[in-house]
Amino acid sequence: MFPRLVQRAFTVTLPAATAVVVAASAAYAEPDPGDDTKPDQLNLAGIIGNVQGLVTGLLIGLATLFLTLGCVRYMMANGDPTATEKGKGAFRNALIGYALAIVSQPALALVKSLVE
């Protein structure tokens, strides 16, 4: 019964989450015609700033996915030592992903300061 419940939860939440991510889009504001400076997105520092947000978001998303998979594997282990170790391994991978997300902010900020 429990595996069916998990399967139903994934079949409902995964398409809904995918639809929200795909439907979301950033608003675009036209730069002031009297302003001669380039928009932030066109210079290298702006591009690095955009990549910084993208990298952090992807790392946090992947770490959350591994955390979820680790929880499911650990709960479904039912005392099996190999399955329990696989769940713990997914937890470790999630922690590594969160640590990389935290470290990526200062690392990309350093690169951005070197470029400016």
C-alpha atoms as a PDB file:
ATOM      1  CA  MET A   1       0.000   0.000   0.000  1.00  0.00           C
ATOM      2  CA  PHE A   2       2.745   2.487   0.899  1.00  0.00           C
ATOM      3  CA  PRO A   3       4.637   2.134  -2.424  1.00  0.00           C
ATOM      4  CA  ARG A   4       1.399   2.851  -4.291  1.00  0.00           C
ATOM      5  CA  LEU A   5       0.896   5.966  -2.182  1.00  0.00           C
ATOM      6  CA  VAL A   6       4.405   7.193  -3.003  1.00  0.00           C
ATOM      7  CA  GLN A   7       3.853   6.415  -6.683  1.00  0.00           C
ATOM      8  CA  ARG A   8       0.615   8.403  -6.702  1.00  0.00           C
ATOM      9  CA  ALA A   9       2.268  11.311  -4.917  1.00  0.00           C
ATOM     10  CA  PHE A  10       5.022  11.461  -7.542  1.00  0.00           C
ATOM     11  CA  THR A  11       2.579  11.149 -10.446  1.00  0.00           C
ATOM     12  CA  VAL A  12       0.591  14.101  -9.123  1.00  0.00           C
ATOM     13  CA  THR A  13       3.299  16.425  -7.801  1.00  0.00           C
ATOM     14  CA  LEU A  14       5.953  15.953 -10.491  1.00  0.00           C
ATOM     15  CA  PRO A  15       3.794  17.157 -13.429  1.00  0.00           C
ATOM     16  CA  ALA A  16       2.415  20.005 -11.309  1.00  0.00           C
ATOM     17  CA  ALA A  17       5.893  21.162 -10.295  1.00  0.00           C
ATOM     18  CA  THR A  18       7.089  20.868 -13.887  1.00  0.00           C
ATOM     19  CA  ALA A  19       4.168  22.980 -15.113  1.00  0.00           C
ATOM     20  CA  VAL A  20       4.927  25.697 -12.560  1.00  0.00           C
ATOM     21  CA  VAL A  21       8.613  25.813 -13.508  1.00  0.00           C
ATOM     22  CA  VAL A  22       7.917  25.847 -17.246  1.00  0.00           C
ATOM     23  CA  ALA A  23       5.174  28.476 -16.981  1.00  0.00           C
ATOM     24  CA  ALA A  24       7.253  30.881 -14.895  1.00  0.00           C
ATOM     25  CA  SER A  25       9.066  33.537 -16.875  1.00  0.00           C
ATOM     26  CA  ALA A  26      10.950  36.680 -15.983  1.00  0.00           C
ATOM     27  CA  ALA A  27       9.491  40.062 -16.800  1.00  0.00           C
ATOM     28  CA  TYR A  28      11.407  42.149 -19.318  1.00  0.00           C
ATOM     29  CA  ALA A  29      11.764  45.883 -18.874  1.00  0.00           C
ATOM     30  CA  GLU A  30      12.975  47.998 -21.789  1.00  0.00           C
ATOM     31  CA  PRO A  31      15.968  50.182 -20.863  1.00  0.00           C
ATOM     32  CA  ASP A  32      15.535  53.940 -20.818  1.00  0.00           C
ATOM     33  CA  PRO A  33      16.223  55.256 -24.359  1.00  0.00           C
ATOM     34  CA  GLY A  34      18.129  58.271 -22.955  1.00  0.00           C
ATOM     35  CA  ASP A  35      20.483  56.073 -20.961  1.00  0.00           C
ATOM     36  CA  ASP A  36      23.738  55.340 -22.812  1.00  0.00           C
ATOM     37  CA  THR A  37      24.979  52.642 -20.398  1.00  0.00           C
ATOM     38  CA  LYS A  38      24.643  49.006 -21.309  1.00  0.00           C
ATOM     39  CA  PRO A  39      22.071  46.915 -19.441  1.00  0.00           C
ATOM     40  CA  ASP A  40      23.461  44.609 -16.770  1.00  0.00           C
ATOM     41  CA  GLN A  41      22.683  41.518 -18.814  1.00  0.00           C
ATOM     42  CA  LEU A  42      25.014  42.542 -21.663  1.00  0.00           C
ATOM     43  CA  ASN A  43      28.258  43.016 -19.758  1.00  0.00           C
ATOM     44  CA  LEU A  44      30.368  40.149 -18.429  1.00  0.00           C
ATOM     45  CA  ALA A  45      29.660  40.891 -14.759  1.00  0.00           C
ATOM     46  CA  GLY A  46      25.926  40.770 -15.455  1.00  0.00           C
ATOM     47  CA  ILE A  47      26.263  37.466 -17.270  1.00  0.00           C
ATOM     48  CA  ILE A  48      28.251  36.009 -14.363  1.00  0.00           C
ATOM     49  CA  GLY A  49      25.540  37.249 -11.979  1.00  0.00           C
ATOM     50  CA  ASN A  50      22.876  35.505 -14.050  1.00  0.00           C
ATOM     51  CA  VAL A  51      24.936  32.296 -14.177  1.00  0.00           C
ATOM     52  CA  GLN A  52      25.422  32.541 -10.402  1.00  0.00           C
ATOM     53  CA  GLY A  53      21.670  32.434  -9.833  1.00  0.00           C
ATOM     54  CA  LEU A  54      21.227  29.614 -12.318  1.00  0.00           C
ATOM     55  CA  VAL A  55      24.000  27.477 -10.813  1.00  0.00           C
ATOM     56  CA  THR A  56      22.746  28.008  -7.277  1.00  0.00           C
ATOM     57  CA  GLY A  57      19.192  27.148  -8.258  1.00  0.00           C
ATOM     58  CA  LEU A  58      20.242  23.982 -10.055  1.00  0.00           C
ATOM     59  CA  LEU A  59      22.445  22.834  -7.180  1.00  0.00           C
ATOM     60  CA  ILE A  60      19.698  23.414  -4.618  1.00  0.00           C
ATOM     61  CA  GLY A  61      17.153  21.659  -6.831  1.00  0.00           C
ATOM     62  CA  LEU A  62      19.375  18.622  -7.347  1.00  0.00           C
ATOM     63  CA  ALA A  63      20.270  18.477  -3.653  1.00  0.00           C
ATOM     64  CA  THR A  64      16.580  18.570  -2.750  1.00  0.00           C
ATOM     65  CA  LEU A  65      15.907  15.777  -5.252  1.00  0.00           C
ATOM     66  CA  PHE A  66      18.652  13.627  -3.674  1.00  0.00           C
ATOM     67  CA  LEU A  67      17.320  14.417  -0.207  1.00  0.00           C
ATOM     68  CA  THR A  68      13.846  13.296  -1.253  1.00  0.00           C
ATOM     69  CA  LEU A  69      15.159  10.135  -2.887  1.00  0.00           C
ATOM     70  CA  GLY A  70      17.248   9.403   0.199  1.00  0.00           C
ATOM     71  CA  CYS A  71      14.198   9.736   2.419  1.00  0.00           C
ATOM     72  CA  VAL A  72      12.152   7.433   0.211  1.00  0.00           C
ATOM     73  CA  ARG A  73      14.950   4.845  -0.017  1.00  0.00           C
ATOM     74  CA  TYR A  74      15.566   4.942   3.716  1.00  0.00           C
ATOM     75  CA  MET A  75      11.861   4.532   4.526  1.00  0.00           C
ATOM     76  CA  MET A  76      11.428   1.742   1.978  1.00  0.00           C
ATOM     77  CA  ALA A  77      14.544  -0.147   3.183  1.00  0.00           C
ATOM     78  CA  ASN A  78      12.506  -2.173   5.685  1.00  0.00           C
ATOM     79  CA  GLY A  79      15.650  -3.171   7.593  1.00  0.00           C
ATOM     80  CA  ASP A  80      17.659  -4.196   4.529  1.00  0.00           C
ATOM     81  CA  PRO A  81      21.261  -3.042   5.190  1.00  0.00           C
ATOM     82  CA  THR A  82      22.146  -2.403   1.529  1.00  0.00           C
ATOM     83  CA  ALA A  83      19.013  -0.340   0.914  1.00  0.00           C
ATOM     84  CA  THR A  84      19.636   1.588   4.147  1.00  0.00           C
ATOM     85  CA  GLU A  85      23.180   2.385   2.991  1.00  0.00           C
ATOM     86  CA  LYS A  86      21.837   3.568  -0.381  1.00  0.00           C
ATOM     87  CA  GLY A  87      19.483   5.924   1.446  1.00  0.00           C
ATOM     88  CA  LYS A  88      22.317   7.214   3.614  1.00  0.00           C
ATOM     89  CA  GLY A  89      24.445   7.683   0.508  1.00  0.00           C
ATOM     90  CA  ALA A  90      21.716   9.805  -1.059  1.00  0.00           C
ATOM     91  CA  PHE A  91      21.623  11.893   2.152  1.00  0.00           C
ATOM     92  CA  ARG A  92      25.391  12.443   1.874  1.00  0.00           C
ATOM     93  CA  ASN A  93      25.018  13.453  -1.778  1.00  0.00           C
ATOM     94  CA  ALA A  94      22.318  15.929  -0.804  1.00  0.00           C
ATOM     95  CA  LEU A  95      24.563  17.451   1.859  1.00  0.00           C
ATOM     96  CA  ILE A  96      27.379  17.756  -0.674  1.00  0.00           C
ATOM     97  CA  GLY A  97      24.976  19.466  -3.081  1.00  0.00           C
ATOM     98  CA  TYR A  98      23.852  21.958  -0.445  1.00  0.00           C
ATOM     99  CA  ALA A  99      27.498  22.636   0.488  1.00  0.00           C
ATOM    100  CA  LEU A 100      28.349  23.279  -3.169  1.00  0.00           C
ATOM    101  CA  ALA A 101      25.396  25.656  -3.455  1.00  0.00           C
ATOM    102  CA  ILE A 102      26.659  27.591  -0.447  1.00  0.00           C
ATOM    103  CA  VAL A 103      30.267  27.656  -1.723  1.00  0.00           C
ATOM    104  CA  SER A 104      29.265  28.601  -5.285  1.00  0.00           C
ATOM    105  CA  GLN A 105      28.020  32.033  -4.187  1.00  0.00           C
ATOM    106  CA  PRO A 106      31.377  33.357  -2.906  1.00  0.00           C
ATOM    107  CA  ALA A 107      33.330  31.561  -5.648  1.00  0.00           C
ATOM    108  CA  LEU A 108      31.338  33.185  -8.440  1.00  0.00           C
ATOM    109  CA  ALA A 109      31.400  36.509  -6.598  1.00  0.00           C
ATOM    110  CA  LEU A 110      35.199  36.274  -6.583  1.00  0.00           C
ATOM    111  CA  VAL A 111      35.242  35.599 -10.326  1.00  0.00           C
ATOM    112  CA  LYS A 112      32.837  38.497 -10.851  1.00  0.00           C
ATOM    113  CA  SER A 113      35.075  40.862  -8.831  1.00  0.00           C
ATOM    114  CA  LEU A 114      38.115  39.773 -10.869  1.00  0.00           C
ATOM    115  CA  VAL A 115      36.306  40.492 -14.126  1.00  0.00           C
ATOM    116  CA  GLU A 116      35.073  43.954 -13.115  1.00  0.00           C
END
